Amino acid sequence: MSEKLKLQPLGIGSLPHKNPDEAMTVITQNFSQIPFFPQLANVSRNEDMMLQFLEGLPSFSSNNSEKFILNSESEEFLEGLEGFFSDYEEIISDINSPLLSKYAITSQSSSTFEKFEQIIKKDKPQYAKGQIVGVFTLCSTLNDQNSRALIYDETLRDIIVKLLTLKVLWQIKRIKNANSDTTPIIFMDEPSVSQIGSSAYLTISENEVISMIREISDVIKSHNALSAIHCCGKCDWRIPIKTGVNIINFDAYTYGENFKAYHKEISKFLNNGGKIAWGFVPTLDGTILQKLTVDDLVQKFHNSVNYLTKNGIDEKLIIDNSLITSSCGAGGLSIKDAELAMSLVKELSDRLKREV
């Protein structure tokens, strides 16, 4: 991977804006070298992380209680399955298949994707970031008609893996069509990975989750794109690392100690070419955010690096393979605080690039 990723600022997920043009101005101001398309749930509920990637799934509905339901016994679902699997087989063998358009992220689900494409065409960045909801997170949130999470049904789980794979391929193709020299970075947003091993998922094995994520990650990498995973909770980082992703991203502001406890696995990950996207800018509480300075964040970065170096990881290896992000999406903040968070990500990146 190129040195041009070293300490670059990278955006995560959502923004609170109601005006897509204003949101994209924030992107061009702070993430010009790695633009992304933010999720704007205040523009449309369809941009909710759980809903945005479900277009093309047979028999899906979401009711007003925001309970996500897949009726796997309906005639519509059963009739749609044969065509879905047939589409998948053709597309997976040829990304240029016209069938891929059936699984597009349309303007009904993203008010910013077309604007994102225009930025790529105009500015021709070396990298551009896409994203999907993580397969485990979606399968543990989406229920069948019996209110049972899809993660417990092997067939339904496989359908979600394939649907998200098609969403990945559609994004990769659109990014490359916008500029053939731009390398896509596709994030899988997996907050629920932090719950693996809890009482809610005792019957789900780590290997099952790893296999699901790895299947999508391998497709991403097979199309000359980089795969990344984001988990903003207290996570067993052995699990994301075992999926074979290129980049791991976490809430370094709140869960730095948890992350550093896996220094042996992190060392192996970095030595195998992996990268860490450090989420040092908090996005859960605007009050905390307003009190932070870039100096505070620089110190947090150095403290984190020093801990890893004390545990035998080469300092240059860490810094050369680090990116800077916010801790999570900023959609829950006010517009003012969200824009402050994005500017702090860029300022921290700029400062570190000058000083380390």
Protein backbone atom coordinates (compact mmCIF):
# COMPACT_ATOMS: atom_id res chain seq x y z
CA MET A 1 0.00 0.00 0.00
CA SER A 2 1.16 3.45 -0.82
CA GLU A 3 3.01 5.72 1.57
CA LYS A 4 0.39 8.29 0.62
CA LEU A 5 -1.95 6.78 3.22
CA LYS A 6 0.45 7.62 6.06
CA LEU A 7 -1.35 9.71 8.73
CA GLN A 8 -4.06 10.77 6.28
CA PRO A 9 -7.42 12.00 7.64
CA LEU A 10 -10.29 9.64 6.95
CA GLY A 11 -14.01 10.18 7.51
CA ILE A 12 -16.31 7.73 9.27
CA GLY A 13 -19.99 7.28 8.42
CA SER A 14 -22.61 9.86 9.20
CA LEU A 15 -23.12 13.61 9.44
CA PRO A 16 -26.12 15.49 10.89
CA HIS A 17 -26.60 17.83 7.91
CA LYS A 18 -29.96 18.22 6.17
CA ASN A 19 -28.40 19.79 3.09
CA PRO A 20 -26.31 17.31 1.04
CA ASP A 21 -24.30 20.09 -0.63
CA GLU A 22 -23.27 21.49 2.75
CA ALA A 23 -22.30 18.02 3.91
CA MET A 24 -20.13 17.47 0.84
CA THR A 25 -18.44 20.83 1.41
CA VAL A 26 -17.33 19.46 4.79
CA ILE A 27 -15.91 16.43 2.97
CA THR A 28 -13.97 18.43 0.37
CA GLN A 29 -12.60 20.77 3.05
CA ASN A 30 -11.34 18.06 5.36
CA PHE A 31 -10.97 14.84 3.36
CA SER A 32 -9.87 15.95 -0.10
CA GLN A 33 -7.29 13.17 -0.42
CA ILE A 34 -9.71 10.40 0.60
CA PRO A 35 -13.27 11.63 -0.04
CA PHE A 36 -16.29 9.59 1.10
CA PHE A 37 -20.07 9.75 0.91
CA PRO A 38 -21.59 10.51 4.32
CA GLN A 39 -24.85 9.01 5.53
CA LEU A 40 -27.40 11.79 6.15
CA ALA A 41 -30.23 10.23 8.16
CA ASN A 42 -31.67 13.72 8.72
CA VAL A 43 -32.27 13.94 4.96
CA SER A 44 -33.97 10.55 4.75
CA ARG A 45 -34.52 7.59 7.07
CA ASN A 46 -33.33 5.44 4.17
CA GLU A 47 -29.81 6.70 4.90
CA ASP A 48 -29.87 4.99 8.27
CA MET A 49 -26.91 2.61 8.42
CA MET A 50 -29.19 -0.43 8.72
CA LEU A 51 -31.50 0.55 5.88
CA GLN A 52 -29.16 2.08 3.33
CA PHE A 53 -27.85 -1.18 1.91
CA LEU A 54 -31.07 -3.20 1.75
CA GLU A 55 -32.32 -2.14 -1.68
CA GLY A 56 -32.62 -5.25 -3.84
CA LEU A 57 -33.36 -7.62 -0.95
CA PRO A 58 -36.58 -9.56 -1.66
CA SER A 59 -39.51 -9.01 0.72
CA PHE A 60 -37.89 -6.47 3.01
CA SER A 61 -39.92 -3.97 5.00
CA SER A 62 -39.30 -1.61 7.92
CA ASN A 63 -42.19 -0.43 10.04
CA ASN A 64 -42.61 2.73 12.07
CA SER A 65 -41.25 1.12 15.23
CA GLU A 66 -37.94 0.79 13.38
CA LYS A 67 -38.02 -2.98 13.79
CA PHE A 68 -36.33 -4.47 10.75
CA ILE A 69 -38.25 -7.43 9.31
CA LEU A 70 -37.42 -9.91 6.54
CA ASN A 71 -40.42 -12.12 5.81
CA SER A 72 -38.67 -15.26 4.65
CA GLU A 73 -41.95 -17.17 4.28
CA SER A 74 -43.67 -14.76 1.92
CA GLU A 75 -44.29 -15.69 -1.71
CA GLU A 76 -42.50 -12.52 -2.78
CA PHE A 77 -39.36 -13.54 -0.91
CA LEU A 78 -39.35 -17.14 -2.11
CA GLU A 79 -40.04 -16.16 -5.73
CA GLY A 80 -37.30 -13.53 -5.63
CA LEU A 81 -34.60 -15.85 -4.28
CA GLU A 82 -33.91 -17.76 -7.49
CA GLY A 83 -33.35 -14.55 -9.42
CA PHE A 84 -31.23 -13.12 -6.61
CA PHE A 85 -28.86 -16.09 -6.51
CA SER A 86 -28.67 -16.18 -10.30
CA ASP A 87 -27.81 -12.46 -10.37
CA TYR A 88 -25.14 -12.98 -7.74
CA GLU A 89 -23.41 -15.78 -9.64
CA GLU A 90 -23.26 -13.73 -12.83
CA ILE A 91 -22.07 -10.54 -11.12
CA ILE A 92 -19.44 -12.24 -8.96
CA SER A 93 -17.91 -13.70 -12.13
CA ASP A 94 -18.14 -10.41 -14.05
CA ILE A 95 -18.35 -7.07 -12.26
CA ASN A 96 -19.30 -5.48 -15.58
CA SER A 97 -22.55 -7.43 -15.76
CA PRO A 98 -25.52 -5.09 -16.36
CA LEU A 99 -27.33 -6.97 -13.58
CA LEU A 100 -25.21 -5.11 -11.03
CA SER A 101 -27.37 -2.02 -11.53
CA LYS A 102 -30.22 -3.87 -9.79
CA TYR A 103 -28.24 -3.61 -6.56
CA ALA A 104 -27.31 0.06 -6.82
CA ILE A 105 -27.32 2.50 -3.93
CA THR A 106 -29.91 4.78 -5.49
CA SER A 107 -30.68 8.42 -4.73
CA GLN A 108 -33.50 7.11 -2.52
CA SER A 109 -30.88 5.64 -0.18
CA SER A 110 -28.04 8.14 -0.54
CA SER A 111 -28.33 11.86 -1.21
CA THR A 112 -24.54 12.15 -1.46
CA PHE A 113 -23.23 9.26 -3.57
CA GLU A 114 -23.59 11.02 -6.93
CA LYS A 115 -21.91 14.12 -5.49
CA PHE A 116 -19.14 11.86 -4.19
CA GLU A 117 -18.66 10.47 -7.72
CA GLN A 118 -18.45 13.99 -9.12
CA ILE A 119 -15.68 14.83 -6.65
CA ILE A 120 -13.72 11.75 -7.76
CA LYS A 121 -14.12 12.67 -11.43
CA LYS A 122 -13.03 16.24 -10.81
CA ASP A 123 -10.21 15.83 -8.27
CA LYS A 124 -8.96 12.35 -9.18
CA PRO A 125 -7.83 11.40 -5.63
CA GLN A 126 -5.57 8.41 -5.18
CA TYR A 127 -8.10 6.88 -2.76
CA ALA A 128 -11.85 7.14 -2.16
CA LYS A 129 -13.81 5.59 0.71
CA GLY A 130 -17.01 3.64 0.39
CA GLN A 131 -18.82 1.73 3.09
CA ILE A 132 -21.41 -0.87 3.95
CA VAL A 133 -23.07 -1.86 7.19
CA GLY A 134 -21.16 -4.82 8.56
CA VAL A 135 -22.63 -8.22 7.83
CA PHE A 136 -22.66 -9.37 11.46
CA THR A 137 -24.18 -6.08 12.62
CA LEU A 138 -26.92 -6.31 10.00
CA CYS A 139 -27.63 -9.99 10.58
CA SER A 140 -27.89 -9.44 14.33
CA THR A 141 -30.26 -6.48 13.87
CA LEU A 142 -32.48 -7.66 11.00
CA ASN A 143 -35.23 -10.04 12.12
CA ASP A 144 -37.37 -12.59 10.32
CA GLN A 145 -41.17 -12.72 10.59
CA ASN A 146 -40.82 -14.60 13.89
CA SER A 147 -38.73 -11.81 15.47
CA ARG A 148 -35.63 -13.99 15.30
CA ALA A 149 -32.38 -12.36 14.26
CA LEU A 150 -31.11 -13.54 10.87
CA ILE A 151 -27.74 -14.42 12.37
CA TYR A 152 -29.37 -17.64 13.65
CA ASP A 153 -30.49 -18.80 10.19
CA GLU A 154 -27.66 -20.03 7.98
CA THR A 155 -29.56 -19.52 4.71
CA LEU A 156 -30.75 -16.00 5.51
CA ARG A 157 -27.27 -15.12 6.75
CA ASP A 158 -25.82 -16.22 3.42
CA ILE A 159 -28.30 -14.02 1.55
CA ILE A 160 -27.16 -10.97 3.55
CA VAL A 161 -23.50 -11.78 2.87
CA LYS A 162 -24.25 -11.93 -0.85
CA LEU A 163 -26.38 -8.77 -0.86
CA LEU A 164 -23.66 -6.75 0.88
CA THR A 165 -21.07 -8.20 -1.50
CA LEU A 166 -23.12 -6.85 -4.41
CA LYS A 167 -23.29 -3.44 -2.72
CA VAL A 168 -19.50 -3.52 -2.40
CA LEU A 169 -19.00 -4.43 -6.04
CA TRP A 170 -21.37 -1.68 -7.17
CA GLN A 171 -19.40 0.92 -5.20
CA ILE A 172 -16.04 -0.33 -6.46
CA LYS A 173 -17.24 -0.19 -10.04
CA ARG A 174 -18.67 3.32 -9.67
CA ILE A 175 -15.51 4.64 -8.02
CA LYS A 176 -13.31 3.11 -10.73
CA ASN A 177 -15.62 4.44 -13.44
CA ALA A 178 -15.30 7.92 -11.95
CA ASN A 179 -11.50 7.63 -12.08
CA SER A 180 -9.71 4.44 -13.01
CA ASP A 181 -6.62 5.43 -11.01
CA THR A 182 -8.51 5.87 -7.73
CA THR A 183 -8.20 2.96 -5.30
CA PRO A 184 -11.42 2.25 -3.39
CA ILE A 185 -11.27 1.73 0.36
CA ILE A 186 -14.40 -0.09 1.49
CA PHE A 187 -15.29 0.06 5.18
CA MET A 188 -17.49 -2.49 6.91
CA ASP A 189 -19.17 -0.81 9.88
CA GLU A 190 -19.34 -3.50 12.56
CA PRO A 191 -20.30 -2.00 15.94
CA SER A 192 -21.96 -5.28 16.97
CA VAL A 193 -18.69 -7.18 16.79
CA SER A 194 -18.06 -5.79 20.28
CA GLN A 195 -20.97 -7.99 21.49
CA ILE A 196 -19.52 -11.30 20.34
CA GLY A 197 -19.15 -13.56 23.35
CA SER A 198 -21.85 -11.75 25.33
CA SER A 199 -24.94 -13.56 26.62
CA ALA A 200 -26.92 -12.35 23.58
CA TYR A 201 -24.71 -14.28 21.13
CA LEU A 202 -23.36 -17.24 23.07
CA THR A 203 -24.46 -19.68 20.37
CA ILE A 204 -22.67 -17.77 17.60
CA SER A 205 -19.06 -18.83 17.19
CA GLU A 206 -16.22 -16.45 16.46
CA ASN A 207 -15.30 -18.52 13.42
CA GLU A 208 -18.77 -18.05 11.92
CA VAL A 209 -18.49 -14.28 12.25
CA ILE A 210 -14.93 -14.22 10.95
CA SER A 211 -15.95 -16.30 7.94
CA MET A 212 -18.83 -13.96 7.05
CA ILE A 213 -16.68 -10.84 7.21
CA ARG A 214 -13.74 -12.49 5.47
CA GLU A 215 -15.93 -13.53 2.54
CA ILE A 216 -16.78 -9.90 1.80
CA SER A 217 -13.26 -8.65 2.57
CA ASP A 218 -11.76 -11.16 0.14
CA VAL A 219 -14.06 -9.94 -2.65
CA ILE A 220 -13.06 -6.34 -1.93
CA LYS A 221 -9.36 -7.17 -2.14
CA SER A 222 -9.79 -9.31 -5.25
CA HIS A 223 -10.95 -6.17 -7.10
CA ASN A 224 -7.82 -4.14 -6.22
CA ALA A 225 -9.54 -2.30 -3.40
CA LEU A 226 -8.64 -2.08 0.29
CA SER A 227 -10.92 -3.60 2.91
CA ALA A 228 -11.43 -2.02 6.32
CA ILE A 229 -13.45 -2.73 9.44
CA HIS A 230 -14.79 -0.19 11.93
CA CYS A 231 -15.82 -1.12 15.46
CA CYS A 232 -16.51 1.68 17.90
CA GLY A 233 -17.01 -0.46 21.01
CA LYS A 234 -14.87 -2.52 23.37
CA CYS A 235 -13.82 -5.23 20.99
CA ASP A 236 -11.83 -8.46 20.96
CA TRP A 237 -9.48 -7.23 18.23
CA ARG A 238 -8.30 -10.74 17.45
CA ILE A 239 -11.60 -11.22 15.60
CA PRO A 240 -11.32 -8.30 13.10
CA ILE A 241 -7.63 -9.03 12.55
CA LYS A 242 -8.41 -12.67 11.67
CA THR A 243 -10.81 -11.54 8.93
CA GLY A 244 -7.83 -10.48 6.79
CA VAL A 245 -8.86 -6.83 6.35
CA ASN A 246 -6.25 -4.25 5.35
CA ILE A 247 -7.33 -1.58 7.86
CA ILE A 248 -8.77 -1.73 11.37
CA ASN A 249 -10.50 1.34 12.81
CA PHE A 250 -11.57 1.91 16.39
CA ASP A 251 -12.56 4.49 19.00
CA ALA A 252 -9.07 5.34 20.21
CA TYR A 253 -10.36 8.14 22.40
CA THR A 254 -12.50 5.92 24.65
CA TYR A 255 -11.16 2.39 24.12
CA GLY A 256 -7.44 2.89 23.67
CA GLU A 257 -6.56 0.69 26.63
CA ASN A 258 -8.74 -2.12 25.31
CA PHE A 259 -7.07 -1.94 21.89
CA LYS A 260 -3.52 -1.86 23.22
CA ALA A 261 -4.12 -5.04 25.21
CA TYR A 262 -3.91 -6.91 21.89
CA HIS A 263 -0.39 -5.68 21.11
CA LYS A 264 0.83 -9.14 20.05
CA GLU A 265 -1.90 -9.47 17.44
CA ILE A 266 -1.42 -5.82 16.40
CA SER A 267 2.29 -6.41 15.87
CA LYS A 268 1.61 -9.34 13.57
CA PHE A 269 -1.10 -7.36 11.75
CA LEU A 270 1.24 -4.43 11.08
CA ASN A 271 4.11 -6.66 10.03
CA ASN A 272 1.78 -8.33 7.53
CA GLY A 273 1.00 -4.97 5.91
CA GLY A 274 -2.05 -3.93 7.92
CA LYS A 275 -2.94 -0.38 8.89
CA ILE A 276 -4.52 1.19 11.96
CA ALA A 277 -7.05 4.02 11.59
CA TRP A 278 -7.02 5.69 15.00
CA GLY A 279 -10.34 7.27 16.02
CA PHE A 280 -8.92 9.94 18.31
CA VAL A 281 -11.60 12.61 17.82
CA PRO A 282 -14.67 11.75 19.97
CA THR A 283 -18.14 12.09 18.44
CA LEU A 284 -20.51 10.95 21.18
CA ASP A 285 -20.52 14.10 23.31
CA GLY A 286 -20.27 17.62 21.94
CA THR A 287 -19.36 18.98 25.38
CA ILE A 288 -16.21 16.86 25.51
CA LEU A 289 -15.41 17.71 21.91
CA GLN A 290 -15.60 21.46 22.50
CA LYS A 291 -13.00 21.27 25.27
CA LEU A 292 -10.42 19.36 23.23
CA THR A 293 -7.38 20.91 21.59
CA VAL A 294 -5.15 19.52 18.88
CA ASP A 295 -2.38 19.41 21.50
CA ASP A 296 -4.54 17.05 23.59
CA LEU A 297 -5.03 14.76 20.61
CA VAL A 298 -1.37 14.81 19.62
CA GLN A 299 -0.49 13.71 23.14
CA LYS A 300 -3.03 10.88 22.97
CA PHE A 301 -1.48 9.70 19.72
CA HIS A 302 2.04 9.70 21.17
CA ASN A 303 0.88 7.90 24.32
CA SER A 304 -0.71 5.17 22.20
CA VAL A 305 2.34 4.77 19.99
CA ASN A 306 4.65 4.70 23.02
CA TYR A 307 2.64 1.91 24.62
CA LEU A 308 2.97 -0.23 21.52
CA THR A 309 6.69 0.50 21.15
CA LYS A 310 7.24 -0.53 24.78
CA ASN A 311 5.68 -3.84 23.83
CA GLY A 312 8.15 -4.45 21.04
CA ILE A 313 6.50 -2.87 17.98
CA ASP A 314 8.72 -0.65 15.86
CA GLU A 315 7.73 3.03 16.11
CA LYS A 316 8.27 3.71 12.40
CA LEU A 317 6.16 0.69 11.50
CA ILE A 318 3.29 2.05 13.60
CA ILE A 319 3.45 5.64 12.32
CA ASP A 320 3.94 4.67 8.68
CA ASN A 321 0.81 2.54 8.88
CA SER A 322 -1.47 4.91 10.78
CA LEU A 323 -4.45 6.95 9.61
CA ILE A 324 -6.49 9.47 11.62
CA THR A 325 -10.29 9.37 12.01
CA SER A 326 -13.06 10.36 14.36
CA SER A 327 -14.14 7.76 16.90
CA CYS A 328 -17.37 7.04 15.01
CA GLY A 329 -19.86 8.77 12.75
CA ALA A 330 -20.87 12.29 13.73
CA GLY A 331 -24.57 12.04 12.87
CA GLY A 332 -25.65 12.37 16.50
CA LEU A 333 -23.91 15.71 17.02
CA SER A 334 -25.13 19.19 16.15
CA ILE A 335 -23.96 20.45 12.77
CA LYS A 336 -21.57 22.86 14.48
CA ASP A 337 -20.02 20.13 16.63
CA ALA A 338 -19.85 17.67 13.73
CA GLU A 339 -17.97 20.21 11.63
CA LEU A 340 -15.66 20.85 14.60
CA ALA A 341 -14.98 17.12 14.85
CA MET A 342 -14.17 16.82 11.15
CA SER A 343 -11.85 19.82 11.28
CA LEU A 344 -10.07 18.34 14.31
CA VAL A 345 -9.47 15.11 12.39
CA LYS A 346 -7.81 17.10 9.61
CA GLU A 347 -5.85 19.35 11.99
CA LEU A 348 -4.55 16.36 13.93
CA SER A 349 -3.51 14.67 10.69
CA ASP A 350 -1.78 17.80 9.40
CA ARG A 351 0.04 18.33 12.68
CA LEU A 352 1.27 14.74 12.91
CA LYS A 353 2.44 14.75 9.28
CA ARG A 354 4.57 17.80 10.08
CA GLU A 355 5.97 16.58 13.38
CA VAL A 356 6.53 12.81 13.25
